[in-house]
Amino acid sequence: MKGLVRYAILSVLLAIAAPALAAGSDSPAAATKAFYDTYLKAQVRGIADAKARALFTPLISPALDKLLADADAAEQLHFRLTKNEEPPLVEGDPFSSLFEGATSYRIGKCVEKAEAATCDVELTYAGSSGEKPTHWTDKAMLVKSGGGWLLDDLNFGATWDFGNKGRMQDLLREVAKYTKEQEAP
């Protein structure tokens, strides 16, 4: 029975991670697609823990992976110090402009410049039926590595109050500061 459960869990993880097999894609659009396919399946809210990060690691730059790990460490420290009696440092979706996240996407124009690229990503959140969908455009920022293109950052396109603004790397750096602040005398 234990073997069957392990097999079922492994099958689910492989299905979720299947887009990661396209890691190091040969075009910015393909790398962006692999990232967002994984993003939609994983439905991560808040800072990605180690298990969720493992799904994204083949698709993202080492710099972004380290920032996600540092932000997760800060989040875990926050939970321990507050005995989980306070909200997390990051609530909602850190991978898009909208708190609720996206339910679908379409890759727009991609522009390559040497070892960097930017792709427009038109995102949609379709909530409950009867509710008007929310549309916005974030920018996927990619870097070329030896294995191909990897997501390095997201430039949030929120134009509404309380939306994520700026860049995801800046958000993660801000969260990671929590650890240093707690270690300071």
C-alpha atoms as a PDB file:
ATOM      1  CA  MET A   1       0.000   0.000   0.000  1.00  0.00           C
ATOM      2  CA  LYS A   2       2.833   2.419   0.875  1.00  0.00           C
ATOM      3  CA  GLY A   3       4.424   1.760  -2.512  1.00  0.00           C
ATOM      4  CA  LEU A   4       1.165   2.588  -4.267  1.00  0.00           C
ATOM      5  CA  VAL A   5       0.844   5.884  -2.363  1.00  0.00           C
ATOM      6  CA  ARG A   6       4.451   6.798  -3.160  1.00  0.00           C
ATOM      7  CA  TYR A   7       3.857   5.970  -6.821  1.00  0.00           C
ATOM      8  CA  ALA A   8       0.733   8.150  -6.886  1.00  0.00           C
ATOM      9  CA  ILE A   9       2.559  11.077  -5.262  1.00  0.00           C
ATOM     10  CA  LEU A  10       5.491  10.714  -7.652  1.00  0.00           C
ATOM     11  CA  SER A  11       3.103  10.637 -10.623  1.00  0.00           C
ATOM     12  CA  VAL A  12       1.424  13.863  -9.508  1.00  0.00           C
ATOM     13  CA  LEU A  13       4.770  15.606  -8.963  1.00  0.00           C
ATOM     14  CA  LEU A  14       6.001  14.516 -12.383  1.00  0.00           C
ATOM     15  CA  ALA A  15       2.821  15.776 -14.029  1.00  0.00           C
ATOM     16  CA  ILE A  16       3.223  19.155 -12.361  1.00  0.00           C
ATOM     17  CA  ALA A  17       6.919  19.329 -13.205  1.00  0.00           C
ATOM     18  CA  ALA A  18       6.544  18.210 -16.842  1.00  0.00           C
ATOM     19  CA  PRO A  19       6.927  21.767 -18.201  1.00  0.00           C
ATOM     20  CA  ALA A  20      10.220  21.976 -16.295  1.00  0.00           C
ATOM     21  CA  LEU A  21      11.612  19.402 -18.689  1.00  0.00           C
ATOM     22  CA  ALA A  22      11.658  22.236 -21.207  1.00  0.00           C
ATOM     23  CA  ALA A  23      14.104  24.095 -18.934  1.00  0.00           C
ATOM     24  CA  GLY A  24      16.853  25.919 -20.661  1.00  0.00           C
ATOM     25  CA  SER A  25      14.601  26.475 -23.662  1.00  0.00           C
ATOM     26  CA  ASP A  26      16.146  27.701 -26.873  1.00  0.00           C
ATOM     27  CA  SER A  27      13.848  30.734 -27.118  1.00  0.00           C
ATOM     28  CA  PRO A  28      12.600  33.300 -24.603  1.00  0.00           C
ATOM     29  CA  ALA A  29       8.976  32.522 -25.549  1.00  0.00           C
ATOM     30  CA  ALA A  30       9.451  28.781 -24.905  1.00  0.00           C
ATOM     31  CA  ALA A  31      11.132  29.451 -21.550  1.00  0.00           C
ATOM     32  CA  THR A  32       8.345  31.851 -20.565  1.00  0.00           C
ATOM     33  CA  LYS A  33       5.719  29.281 -21.560  1.00  0.00           C
ATOM     34  CA  ALA A  34       7.427  26.569 -19.493  1.00  0.00           C
ATOM     35  CA  PHE A  35       7.510  28.880 -16.472  1.00  0.00           C
ATOM     36  CA  TYR A  36       3.865  29.945 -16.717  1.00  0.00           C
ATOM     37  CA  ASP A  37       2.624  26.395 -17.395  1.00  0.00           C
ATOM     38  CA  THR A  38       4.328  25.345 -14.150  1.00  0.00           C
ATOM     39  CA  TYR A  39       3.044  28.444 -12.351  1.00  0.00           C
ATOM     40  CA  LEU A  40      -0.587  27.713 -13.297  1.00  0.00           C
ATOM     41  CA  LYS A  41      -0.324  24.086 -12.186  1.00  0.00           C
ATOM     42  CA  ALA A  42       1.547  24.771  -8.935  1.00  0.00           C
ATOM     43  CA  GLN A  43      -0.796  27.560  -7.720  1.00  0.00           C
ATOM     44  CA  VAL A  44       1.772  28.844  -5.197  1.00  0.00           C
ATOM     45  CA  ARG A  45       0.494  31.551  -2.870  1.00  0.00           C
ATOM     46  CA  GLY A  46       2.881  33.316  -0.575  1.00  0.00           C
ATOM     47  CA  ILE A  47       6.598  32.624  -0.731  1.00  0.00           C
ATOM     48  CA  ALA A  48       7.374  29.284  -2.392  1.00  0.00           C
ATOM     49  CA  ASP A  49       8.688  26.716   0.075  1.00  0.00           C
ATOM     50  CA  ALA A  50      11.433  24.238  -0.867  1.00  0.00           C
ATOM     51  CA  LYS A  51       8.969  21.728  -2.333  1.00  0.00           C
ATOM     52  CA  ALA A  52       7.300  24.312  -4.571  1.00  0.00           C
ATOM     53  CA  ARG A  53      10.635  25.918  -5.456  1.00  0.00           C
ATOM     54  CA  ALA A  54      11.889  22.567  -6.745  1.00  0.00           C
ATOM     55  CA  LEU A  55       9.259  22.769  -9.491  1.00  0.00           C
ATOM     56  CA  PHE A  56      10.591  26.139 -10.637  1.00  0.00           C
ATOM     57  CA  THR A  57      14.347  25.601 -10.166  1.00  0.00           C
ATOM     58  CA  PRO A  58      14.989  24.198 -13.671  1.00  0.00           C
ATOM     59  CA  LEU A  59      13.139  27.174 -15.175  1.00  0.00           C
ATOM     60  CA  ILE A  60      14.666  30.084 -13.254  1.00  0.00           C
ATOM     61  CA  SER A  61      18.077  31.675 -12.935  1.00  0.00           C
ATOM     62  CA  PRO A  62      20.311  30.740 -10.011  1.00  0.00           C
ATOM     63  CA  ALA A  63      20.002  34.348  -8.763  1.00  0.00           C
ATOM     64  CA  LEU A  64      16.195  34.153  -8.654  1.00  0.00           C
ATOM     65  CA  ASP A  65      16.333  30.704  -7.061  1.00  0.00           C
ATOM     66  CA  LYS A  66      18.603  32.052  -4.291  1.00  0.00           C
ATOM     67  CA  LEU A  67      16.299  35.012  -3.656  1.00  0.00           C
ATOM     68  CA  LEU A  68      13.314  32.664  -3.384  1.00  0.00           C
ATOM     69  CA  ALA A  69      15.255  30.487  -0.926  1.00  0.00           C
ATOM     70  CA  ASP A  70      16.313  33.526   1.135  1.00  0.00           C
ATOM     71  CA  ALA A  71      12.732  34.830   1.224  1.00  0.00           C
ATOM     72  CA  ASP A  72      11.480  31.376   2.272  1.00  0.00           C
ATOM     73  CA  ALA A  73      14.048  31.293   5.098  1.00  0.00           C
ATOM     74  CA  ALA A  74      12.829  34.712   6.269  1.00  0.00           C
ATOM     75  CA  GLU A  75       9.219  33.546   6.105  1.00  0.00           C
ATOM     76  CA  GLN A  76      10.023  30.413   8.130  1.00  0.00           C
ATOM     77  CA  LEU A  77      11.893  32.511  10.730  1.00  0.00           C
ATOM     78  CA  HIS A  78       8.923  34.865  10.941  1.00  0.00           C
ATOM     79  CA  PHE A  79       6.572  31.936  11.578  1.00  0.00           C
ATOM     80  CA  ARG A  80       8.853  30.586  14.338  1.00  0.00           C
ATOM     81  CA  LEU A  81       9.375  33.955  16.054  1.00  0.00           C
ATOM     82  CA  THR A  82       5.688  34.896  15.973  1.00  0.00           C
ATOM     83  CA  LYS A  83       4.567  31.339  16.770  1.00  0.00           C
ATOM     84  CA  ASN A  84       2.456  31.570  13.611  1.00  0.00           C
ATOM     85  CA  GLU A  85       0.203  34.149  15.311  1.00  0.00           C
ATOM     86  CA  GLU A  86       0.822  36.838  12.670  1.00  0.00           C
ATOM     87  CA  PRO A  87       0.102  36.830   8.948  1.00  0.00           C
ATOM     88  CA  PRO A  88       2.936  35.751   6.660  1.00  0.00           C
ATOM     89  CA  LEU A  89       5.353  38.365   5.334  1.00  0.00           C
ATOM     90  CA  VAL A  90       3.905  37.822   1.849  1.00  0.00           C
ATOM     91  CA  GLU A  91       0.287  36.951   1.281  1.00  0.00           C
ATOM     92  CA  GLY A  92      -1.203  36.249  -2.103  1.00  0.00           C
ATOM     93  CA  ASP A  93       0.635  35.619  -5.332  1.00  0.00           C
ATOM     94  CA  PRO A  94       4.247  36.847  -5.515  1.00  0.00           C
ATOM     95  CA  PHE A  95       4.515  35.663  -9.147  1.00  0.00           C
ATOM     96  CA  SER A  96       2.025  38.159 -10.593  1.00  0.00           C
ATOM     97  CA  SER A  97       0.615  41.643 -10.094  1.00  0.00           C
ATOM     98  CA  LEU A  98      -2.707  40.395  -8.741  1.00  0.00           C
ATOM     99  CA  PHE A  99      -3.133  39.085  -5.164  1.00  0.00           C
ATOM    100  CA  GLU A 100      -5.318  36.211  -6.413  1.00  0.00           C
ATOM    101  CA  GLY A 101      -2.879  35.268  -9.158  1.00  0.00           C
ATOM    102  CA  ALA A 102      -3.677  34.385 -12.736  1.00  0.00           C
ATOM    103  CA  THR A 103      -5.875  31.644 -14.129  1.00  0.00           C
ATOM    104  CA  SER A 104      -4.609  31.920 -17.715  1.00  0.00           C
ATOM    105  CA  TYR A 105      -1.933  33.640 -19.758  1.00  0.00           C
ATOM    106  CA  ARG A 106      -0.865  34.492 -23.282  1.00  0.00           C
ATOM    107  CA  ILE A 107       2.692  35.304 -24.284  1.00  0.00           C
ATOM    108  CA  GLY A 108       2.980  38.511 -26.244  1.00  0.00           C
ATOM    109  CA  LYS A 109       5.995  40.125 -27.853  1.00  0.00           C
ATOM    110  CA  CYS A 110       9.473  38.943 -26.829  1.00  0.00           C
ATOM    111  CA  VAL A 111      12.526  41.115 -27.365  1.00  0.00           C
ATOM    112  CA  GLU A 112      16.055  39.673 -27.224  1.00  0.00           C
ATOM    113  CA  LYS A 113      19.113  41.788 -26.489  1.00  0.00           C
ATOM    114  CA  ALA A 114      22.307  39.722 -26.351  1.00  0.00           C
ATOM    115  CA  GLU A 115      22.076  37.541 -23.232  1.00  0.00           C
ATOM    116  CA  ALA A 116      18.805  39.061 -21.944  1.00  0.00           C
ATOM    117  CA  ALA A 117      15.205  39.051 -23.134  1.00  0.00           C
ATOM    118  CA  THR A 118      11.850  40.436 -22.093  1.00  0.00           C
ATOM    119  CA  CYS A 119       8.471  38.893 -22.920  1.00  0.00           C
ATOM    120  CA  ASP A 120       5.103  40.556 -22.399  1.00  0.00           C
ATOM    121  CA  VAL A 121       2.748  38.163 -20.622  1.00  0.00           C
ATOM    122  CA  GLU A 122      -0.938  38.963 -20.806  1.00  0.00           C
ATOM    123  CA  LEU A 123      -2.520  37.496 -17.692  1.00  0.00           C
ATOM    124  CA  THR A 124      -6.144  36.921 -16.750  1.00  0.00           C
ATOM    125  CA  TYR A 125      -7.829  36.106 -13.478  1.00  0.00           C
ATOM    126  CA  ALA A 126     -11.303  34.675 -13.979  1.00  0.00           C
ATOM    127  CA  GLY A 127     -12.946  34.389 -10.572  1.00  0.00           C
ATOM    128  CA  SER A 128     -16.379  33.022  -9.880  1.00  0.00           C
ATOM    129  CA  SER A 129     -18.976  32.964 -12.636  1.00  0.00           C
ATOM    130  CA  GLY A 130     -20.668  36.273 -13.225  1.00  0.00           C
ATOM    131  CA  GLU A 131     -17.584  38.156 -12.048  1.00  0.00           C
ATOM    132  CA  LYS A 132     -15.812  40.198 -14.718  1.00  0.00           C
ATOM    133  CA  PRO A 133     -12.309  38.794 -15.431  1.00  0.00           C
ATOM    134  CA  THR A 134      -9.279  40.921 -14.557  1.00  0.00           C
ATOM    135  CA  HIS A 135      -6.655  41.406 -17.282  1.00  0.00           C
ATOM    136  CA  TRP A 136      -3.153  42.845 -17.002  1.00  0.00           C
ATOM    137  CA  THR A 137       0.312  42.517 -18.510  1.00  0.00           C
ATOM    138  CA  ASP A 138       3.457  41.605 -16.591  1.00  0.00           C
ATOM    139  CA  LYS A 139       6.882  41.312 -18.194  1.00  0.00           C
ATOM    140  CA  ALA A 140       8.983  38.166 -17.904  1.00  0.00           C
ATOM    141  CA  MET A 141      12.671  39.028 -17.810  1.00  0.00           C
ATOM    142  CA  LEU A 142      14.982  36.246 -18.927  1.00  0.00           C
ATOM    143  CA  VAL A 143      18.690  35.565 -19.070  1.00  0.00           C
ATOM    144  CA  LYS A 144      20.556  33.229 -21.373  1.00  0.00           C
ATOM    145  CA  SER A 145      22.641  30.585 -19.656  1.00  0.00           C
ATOM    146  CA  GLY A 146      24.680  27.706 -21.008  1.00  0.00           C
ATOM    147  CA  GLY A 147      21.532  25.571 -21.031  1.00  0.00           C
ATOM    148  CA  GLY A 148      19.260  28.120 -22.675  1.00  0.00           C
ATOM    149  CA  TRP A 149      16.850  30.812 -21.504  1.00  0.00           C
ATOM    150  CA  LEU A 150      15.786  31.061 -17.842  1.00  0.00           C
ATOM    151  CA  LEU A 151      13.360  33.375 -16.058  1.00  0.00           C
ATOM    152  CA  ASP A 152      15.337  35.885 -13.971  1.00  0.00           C
ATOM    153  CA  ASP A 153      12.715  38.386 -12.815  1.00  0.00           C
ATOM    154  CA  LEU A 154       9.172  39.618 -13.307  1.00  0.00           C
ATOM    155  CA  ASN A 155       8.244  43.241 -13.860  1.00  0.00           C
ATOM    156  CA  PHE A 156       4.767  43.677 -12.402  1.00  0.00           C
ATOM    157  CA  GLY A 157       2.314  45.695 -14.470  1.00  0.00           C
ATOM    158  CA  ALA A 158      -0.294  46.488 -11.801  1.00  0.00           C
ATOM    159  CA  THR A 159      -2.054  49.797 -12.347  1.00  0.00           C
ATOM    160  CA  TRP A 160      -4.476  49.396  -9.435  1.00  0.00           C
ATOM    161  CA  ASP A 161      -4.098  49.986  -5.688  1.00  0.00           C
ATOM    162  CA  PHE A 162      -2.633  47.110  -3.680  1.00  0.00           C
ATOM    163  CA  GLY A 163      -1.278  45.303  -6.753  1.00  0.00           C
ATOM    164  CA  ASN A 164       2.312  44.103  -6.828  1.00  0.00           C
ATOM    165  CA  LYS A 165       4.410  46.838  -8.380  1.00  0.00           C
ATOM    166  CA  GLY A 166       8.041  46.991  -9.367  1.00  0.00           C
ATOM    167  CA  ARG A 167      10.003  43.790  -9.731  1.00  0.00           C
ATOM    168  CA  MET A 168       9.705  40.405  -8.095  1.00  0.00           C
ATOM    169  CA  GLN A 169      13.421  40.328  -7.206  1.00  0.00           C
ATOM    170  CA  ASP A 170      12.980  43.585  -5.251  1.00  0.00           C
ATOM    171  CA  LEU A 171       9.989  42.115  -3.394  1.00  0.00           C
ATOM    172  CA  LEU A 172      12.005  39.013  -2.494  1.00  0.00           C
ATOM    173  CA  ARG A 173      15.011  41.080  -1.341  1.00  0.00           C
ATOM    174  CA  GLU A 174      12.711  43.104   0.910  1.00  0.00           C
ATOM    175  CA  VAL A 175      11.301  39.917   2.475  1.00  0.00           C
ATOM    176  CA  ALA A 176      14.782  38.423   2.912  1.00  0.00           C
ATOM    177  CA  LYS A 177      15.838  41.525   4.905  1.00  0.00           C
ATOM    178  CA  TYR A 178      13.643  40.228   7.735  1.00  0.00           C
ATOM    179  CA  THR A 179      16.261  37.595   8.592  1.00  0.00           C
ATOM    180  CA  LYS A 180      19.050  40.177   8.809  1.00  0.00           C
ATOM    181  CA  GLU A 181      16.878  42.488  10.904  1.00  0.00           C
ATOM    182  CA  GLN A 182      16.196  39.710  13.400  1.00  0.00           C
ATOM    183  CA  GLU A 183      19.886  38.800  13.614  1.00  0.00           C
ATOM    184  CA  ALA A 184      20.973  42.416  14.255  1.00  0.00           C
ATOM    185  CA  PRO A 185      21.765  43.219  17.912  1.00  0.00           C
END
